[in-house]
């Protein structure tokens, strides 16, 4: 079973009520992944995921938070914070270094996640970011997780 860190955009896609075709497609894929693929993996979140989904401005807070029930919670360690700061300095992730994408990625790396599941194509699930992250991780003797969208992490039955 692979260790998968679920980033907030995954939960957002699952609970979104928006009807734009792209978002509706992400929602359908995410819900199908949750139903058929999630049981095949060990799933993790961090306090930063909980904080983002709990924010008053998050429109679908209650159903998103309900999805977190039973998922393992990874600590945001001092090592995670130092790595997040470096990821921002090296321009792998946008700031601030103590929140958001930098913390998600650093926490996943420090806790040896194999995958980060995300619909955040701009800052996470794109080839340029993956390559840049791999260079930084290898320089620091970390193994970079694969940052993928749900449709990329699919096992046939």
C-alpha atoms as a PDB file:
ATOM      1  CA  UNK A   1       0.000   0.000   0.000  1.00  0.00           C
ATOM      2  CA  UNK A   2       1.454   3.340  -1.048  1.00  0.00           C
ATOM      3  CA  UNK A   3       1.632   6.242   1.383  1.00  0.00           C
ATOM      4  CA  UNK A   4      -0.389   9.141  -0.079  1.00  0.00           C
ATOM      5  CA  UNK A   5      -0.600  12.697   1.247  1.00  0.00           C
ATOM      6  CA  UNK A   6      -3.941  14.257   0.315  1.00  0.00           C
ATOM      7  CA  UNK A   7      -3.586  17.977  -0.398  1.00  0.00           C
ATOM      8  CA  UNK A   8      -6.631  20.298   0.114  1.00  0.00           C
ATOM      9  CA  UNK A   9      -7.403  20.699  -3.588  1.00  0.00           C
ATOM     10  CA  UNK A  10      -8.382  17.017  -3.686  1.00  0.00           C
ATOM     11  CA  UNK A  11     -11.014  17.499  -0.980  1.00  0.00           C
ATOM     12  CA  UNK A  12     -12.127  20.767  -2.541  1.00  0.00           C
ATOM     13  CA  UNK A  13     -12.746  18.995  -5.847  1.00  0.00           C
ATOM     14  CA  UNK A  14     -14.707  16.242  -4.088  1.00  0.00           C
ATOM     15  CA  UNK A  15     -17.137  18.627  -2.388  1.00  0.00           C
ATOM     16  CA  UNK A  16     -17.320  21.484  -4.886  1.00  0.00           C
ATOM     17  CA  UNK A  17     -20.770  22.489  -6.108  1.00  0.00           C
ATOM     18  CA  UNK A  18     -19.392  24.483  -9.029  1.00  0.00           C
ATOM     19  CA  UNK A  19     -20.653  23.365 -12.426  1.00  0.00           C
ATOM     20  CA  UNK A  20     -17.837  24.450 -14.764  1.00  0.00           C
ATOM     21  CA  UNK A  21     -16.967  21.451 -16.964  1.00  0.00           C
ATOM     22  CA  UNK A  22     -13.365  21.162 -15.742  1.00  0.00           C
ATOM     23  CA  UNK A  23     -14.379  21.321 -12.062  1.00  0.00           C
ATOM     24  CA  UNK A  24     -17.231  18.859 -12.633  1.00  0.00           C
ATOM     25  CA  UNK A  25     -14.740  16.488 -14.273  1.00  0.00           C
ATOM     26  CA  UNK A  26     -12.307  16.820 -11.379  1.00  0.00           C
ATOM     27  CA  UNK A  27     -15.161  16.184  -8.928  1.00  0.00           C
ATOM     28  CA  UNK A  28     -16.261  13.017 -10.755  1.00  0.00           C
ATOM     29  CA  UNK A  29     -12.686  11.712 -11.000  1.00  0.00           C
ATOM     30  CA  UNK A  30     -11.936  12.565  -7.361  1.00  0.00           C
ATOM     31  CA  UNK A  31     -15.084  10.924  -6.031  1.00  0.00           C
ATOM     32  CA  UNK A  32     -14.436   7.810  -8.100  1.00  0.00           C
ATOM     33  CA  UNK A  33     -10.831   7.768  -6.835  1.00  0.00           C
ATOM     34  CA  UNK A  34     -12.092   8.129  -3.238  1.00  0.00           C
ATOM     35  CA  UNK A  35     -14.541   5.275  -3.741  1.00  0.00           C
ATOM     36  CA  UNK A  36     -12.328   2.804  -5.634  1.00  0.00           C
ATOM     37  CA  UNK A  37      -8.686   3.779  -5.086  1.00  0.00           C
ATOM     38  CA  UNK A  38      -8.455   5.242  -1.581  1.00  0.00           C
ATOM     39  CA  UNK A  39      -8.871   1.808   0.065  1.00  0.00           C
ATOM     40  CA  UNK A  40      -5.762   0.634  -1.828  1.00  0.00           C
ATOM     41  CA  UNK A  41      -3.493   3.200  -0.141  1.00  0.00           C
ATOM     42  CA  UNK A  42      -2.457   4.531   3.262  1.00  0.00           C
ATOM     43  CA  UNK A  43      -3.852   8.079   3.367  1.00  0.00           C
ATOM     44  CA  UNK A  44      -2.423  11.019   5.295  1.00  0.00           C
ATOM     45  CA  UNK A  45      -3.120  14.704   5.884  1.00  0.00           C
ATOM     46  CA  UNK A  46      -1.472  17.356   8.038  1.00  0.00           C
ATOM     47  CA  UNK A  47      -2.770  20.031  10.383  1.00  0.00           C
ATOM     48  CA  UNK A  48      -2.309  22.460   7.479  1.00  0.00           C
ATOM     49  CA  UNK A  49      -4.897  20.514   5.442  1.00  0.00           C
ATOM     50  CA  UNK A  50      -7.290  20.686   8.400  1.00  0.00           C
ATOM     51  CA  UNK A  51      -6.636  24.429   8.816  1.00  0.00           C
ATOM     52  CA  UNK A  52      -7.239  25.217   5.143  1.00  0.00           C
ATOM     53  CA  UNK A  53     -10.439  23.184   4.972  1.00  0.00           C
ATOM     54  CA  UNK A  54     -11.630  24.711   8.290  1.00  0.00           C
ATOM     55  CA  UNK A  55     -11.172  28.311   7.139  1.00  0.00           C
ATOM     56  CA  UNK A  56     -14.385  30.369   7.276  1.00  0.00           C
ATOM     57  CA  UNK A  57     -13.924  31.378   3.628  1.00  0.00           C
ATOM     58  CA  UNK A  58     -13.820  27.743   2.477  1.00  0.00           C
ATOM     59  CA  UNK A  59     -17.299  27.309   0.975  1.00  0.00           C
ATOM     60  CA  UNK A  60     -17.869  23.583   1.512  1.00  0.00           C
ATOM     61  CA  UNK A  61     -16.170  23.233   4.873  1.00  0.00           C
ATOM     62  CA  UNK A  62     -18.398  20.647   6.595  1.00  0.00           C
ATOM     63  CA  UNK A  63     -18.417  17.936   3.900  1.00  0.00           C
ATOM     64  CA  UNK A  64     -14.680  18.415   3.292  1.00  0.00           C
ATOM     65  CA  UNK A  65     -13.886  18.069   7.001  1.00  0.00           C
ATOM     66  CA  UNK A  66     -16.112  14.994   7.202  1.00  0.00           C
ATOM     67  CA  UNK A  67     -13.878  13.317   4.602  1.00  0.00           C
ATOM     68  CA  UNK A  68     -10.905  13.707   6.951  1.00  0.00           C
ATOM     69  CA  UNK A  69     -12.411  11.373   9.549  1.00  0.00           C
ATOM     70  CA  UNK A  70     -10.188   8.377  10.092  1.00  0.00           C
ATOM     71  CA  UNK A  71      -7.242   9.692   8.086  1.00  0.00           C
ATOM     72  CA  UNK A  72      -3.802   9.663   9.688  1.00  0.00           C
ATOM     73  CA  UNK A  73      -2.501  13.086  10.746  1.00  0.00           C
ATOM     74  CA  UNK A  74       1.174  13.867  10.133  1.00  0.00           C
ATOM     75  CA  UNK A  75       2.958  16.272  12.459  1.00  0.00           C
ATOM     76  CA  UNK A  76       4.422  19.468  11.089  1.00  0.00           C
ATOM     77  CA  UNK A  77       7.885  19.101  12.574  1.00  0.00           C
ATOM     78  CA  UNK A  78      10.750  21.595  12.912  1.00  0.00           C
ATOM     79  CA  UNK A  79      12.388  19.701  10.042  1.00  0.00           C
ATOM     80  CA  UNK A  80       9.242  20.243   7.935  1.00  0.00           C
ATOM     81  CA  UNK A  81       9.322  23.969   8.719  1.00  0.00           C
ATOM     82  CA  UNK A  82      13.013  24.280   7.787  1.00  0.00           C
ATOM     83  CA  UNK A  83      12.451  22.391   4.537  1.00  0.00           C
ATOM     84  CA  UNK A  84       9.376  24.488   3.693  1.00  0.00           C
ATOM     85  CA  UNK A  85      11.437  27.646   4.170  1.00  0.00           C
ATOM     86  CA  UNK A  86      14.107  26.308   1.832  1.00  0.00           C
ATOM     87  CA  UNK A  87      11.491  25.340  -0.772  1.00  0.00           C
ATOM     88  CA  UNK A  88      10.262  28.941  -0.777  1.00  0.00           C
ATOM     89  CA  UNK A  89      13.800  30.386  -0.898  1.00  0.00           C
ATOM     90  CA  UNK A  90      14.653  28.087  -3.818  1.00  0.00           C
ATOM     91  CA  UNK A  91      11.390  29.095  -5.520  1.00  0.00           C
ATOM     92  CA  UNK A  92      10.097  25.563  -5.726  1.00  0.00           C
ATOM     93  CA  UNK A  93       6.992  26.607  -3.775  1.00  0.00           C
ATOM     94  CA  UNK A  94       5.276  29.952  -3.281  1.00  0.00           C
ATOM     95  CA  UNK A  95       5.378  31.595   0.154  1.00  0.00           C
ATOM     96  CA  UNK A  96       4.705  31.916   2.908  1.00  0.00           C
ATOM     97  CA  UNK A  97       7.042  29.184   4.167  1.00  0.00           C
ATOM     98  CA  UNK A  98       4.931  28.393   7.245  1.00  0.00           C
ATOM     99  CA  UNK A  99       1.662  27.639   5.424  1.00  0.00           C
ATOM    100  CA  UNK A 100       0.099  26.360   2.231  1.00  0.00           C
ATOM    101  CA  UNK A 101       1.884  24.473  -0.521  1.00  0.00           C
ATOM    102  CA  UNK A 102       5.355  24.737   1.016  1.00  0.00           C
ATOM    103  CA  UNK A 103       4.173  23.097   4.248  1.00  0.00           C
ATOM    104  CA  UNK A 104       2.200  20.410   2.397  1.00  0.00           C
ATOM    105  CA  UNK A 105       5.182  19.395   0.299  1.00  0.00           C
ATOM    106  CA  UNK A 106       7.757  19.643   3.096  1.00  0.00           C
ATOM    107  CA  UNK A 107       5.608  17.623   5.502  1.00  0.00           C
ATOM    108  CA  UNK A 108       5.024  14.939   2.878  1.00  0.00           C
ATOM    109  CA  UNK A 109       8.763  14.733   2.158  1.00  0.00           C
ATOM    110  CA  UNK A 110       9.843  14.586   5.809  1.00  0.00           C
ATOM    111  CA  UNK A 111       7.300  11.823   6.513  1.00  0.00           C
ATOM    112  CA  UNK A 112       8.412   9.786   3.472  1.00  0.00           C
ATOM    113  CA  UNK A 113       5.172   9.949   1.507  1.00  0.00           C
ATOM    114  CA  UNK A 114       5.336   8.230  -1.854  1.00  0.00           C
ATOM    115  CA  UNK A 115       2.694  10.475  -3.447  1.00  0.00           C
ATOM    116  CA  UNK A 116       1.069  13.852  -3.001  1.00  0.00           C
ATOM    117  CA  UNK A 117      -2.413  13.817  -4.508  1.00  0.00           C
ATOM    118  CA  UNK A 118      -3.426  17.249  -5.782  1.00  0.00           C
ATOM    119  CA  UNK A 119      -5.394  19.151  -8.397  1.00  0.00           C
ATOM    120  CA  UNK A 120      -3.131  22.175  -7.872  1.00  0.00           C
ATOM    121  CA  UNK A 121      -1.555  22.100 -11.311  1.00  0.00           C
ATOM    122  CA  UNK A 122       0.012  25.561 -11.064  1.00  0.00           C
ATOM    123  CA  UNK A 123       2.086  25.056  -7.919  1.00  0.00           C
ATOM    124  CA  UNK A 124       2.283  21.297  -7.426  1.00  0.00           C
ATOM    125  CA  UNK A 125       1.230  18.765 -10.053  1.00  0.00           C
ATOM    126  CA  UNK A 126       3.220  19.950 -13.048  1.00  0.00           C
ATOM    127  CA  UNK A 127       6.410  18.673 -14.607  1.00  0.00           C
ATOM    128  CA  UNK A 128       8.495  21.805 -13.974  1.00  0.00           C
ATOM    129  CA  UNK A 129       7.699  21.746 -10.254  1.00  0.00           C
ATOM    130  CA  UNK A 130       8.346  18.001 -10.038  1.00  0.00           C
ATOM    131  CA  UNK A 131      11.781  18.348 -11.659  1.00  0.00           C
ATOM    132  CA  UNK A 132      12.758  21.365  -9.537  1.00  0.00           C
ATOM    133  CA  UNK A 133      11.601  19.584  -6.364  1.00  0.00           C
ATOM    134  CA  UNK A 134      13.556  16.454  -7.301  1.00  0.00           C
ATOM    135  CA  UNK A 135      16.770  18.460  -7.675  1.00  0.00           C
ATOM    136  CA  UNK A 136      16.346  20.114  -4.265  1.00  0.00           C
ATOM    137  CA  UNK A 137      15.410  16.810  -2.584  1.00  0.00           C
ATOM    138  CA  UNK A 138      18.365  14.943  -4.042  1.00  0.00           C
ATOM    139  CA  UNK A 139      20.701  17.745  -2.984  1.00  0.00           C
ATOM    140  CA  UNK A 140      19.418  17.317   0.609  1.00  0.00           C
ATOM    141  CA  UNK A 141      19.276  13.480   0.517  1.00  0.00           C
ATOM    142  CA  UNK A 142      15.474  13.339   0.583  1.00  0.00           C
ATOM    143  CA  UNK A 143      13.408  11.136  -1.681  1.00  0.00           C
ATOM    144  CA  UNK A 144      10.872  13.349  -3.471  1.00  0.00           C
ATOM    145  CA  UNK A 145       7.274  12.155  -3.537  1.00  0.00           C
ATOM    146  CA  UNK A 146       5.534  11.929  -6.883  1.00  0.00           C
ATOM    147  CA  UNK A 147       3.036  14.770  -7.132  1.00  0.00           C
ATOM    148  CA  UNK A 148       0.074  13.490  -9.106  1.00  0.00           C
ATOM    149  CA  UNK A 149      -3.549  14.188  -9.892  1.00  0.00           C
ATOM    150  CA  UNK A 150      -6.088  11.496  -8.942  1.00  0.00           C
ATOM    151  CA  UNK A 151      -6.340  10.225 -12.515  1.00  0.00           C
ATOM    152  CA  UNK A 152      -2.581   9.524 -12.454  1.00  0.00           C
ATOM    153  CA  UNK A 153      -2.747   7.316  -9.344  1.00  0.00           C
ATOM    154  CA  UNK A 154      -5.086   4.583 -10.481  1.00  0.00           C
ATOM    155  CA  UNK A 155      -4.718   0.843 -10.007  1.00  0.00           C
ATOM    156  CA  UNK A 156      -6.858  -1.554 -11.991  1.00  0.00           C
ATOM    157  CA  UNK A 157      -8.705  -4.165  -9.946  1.00  0.00           C
END
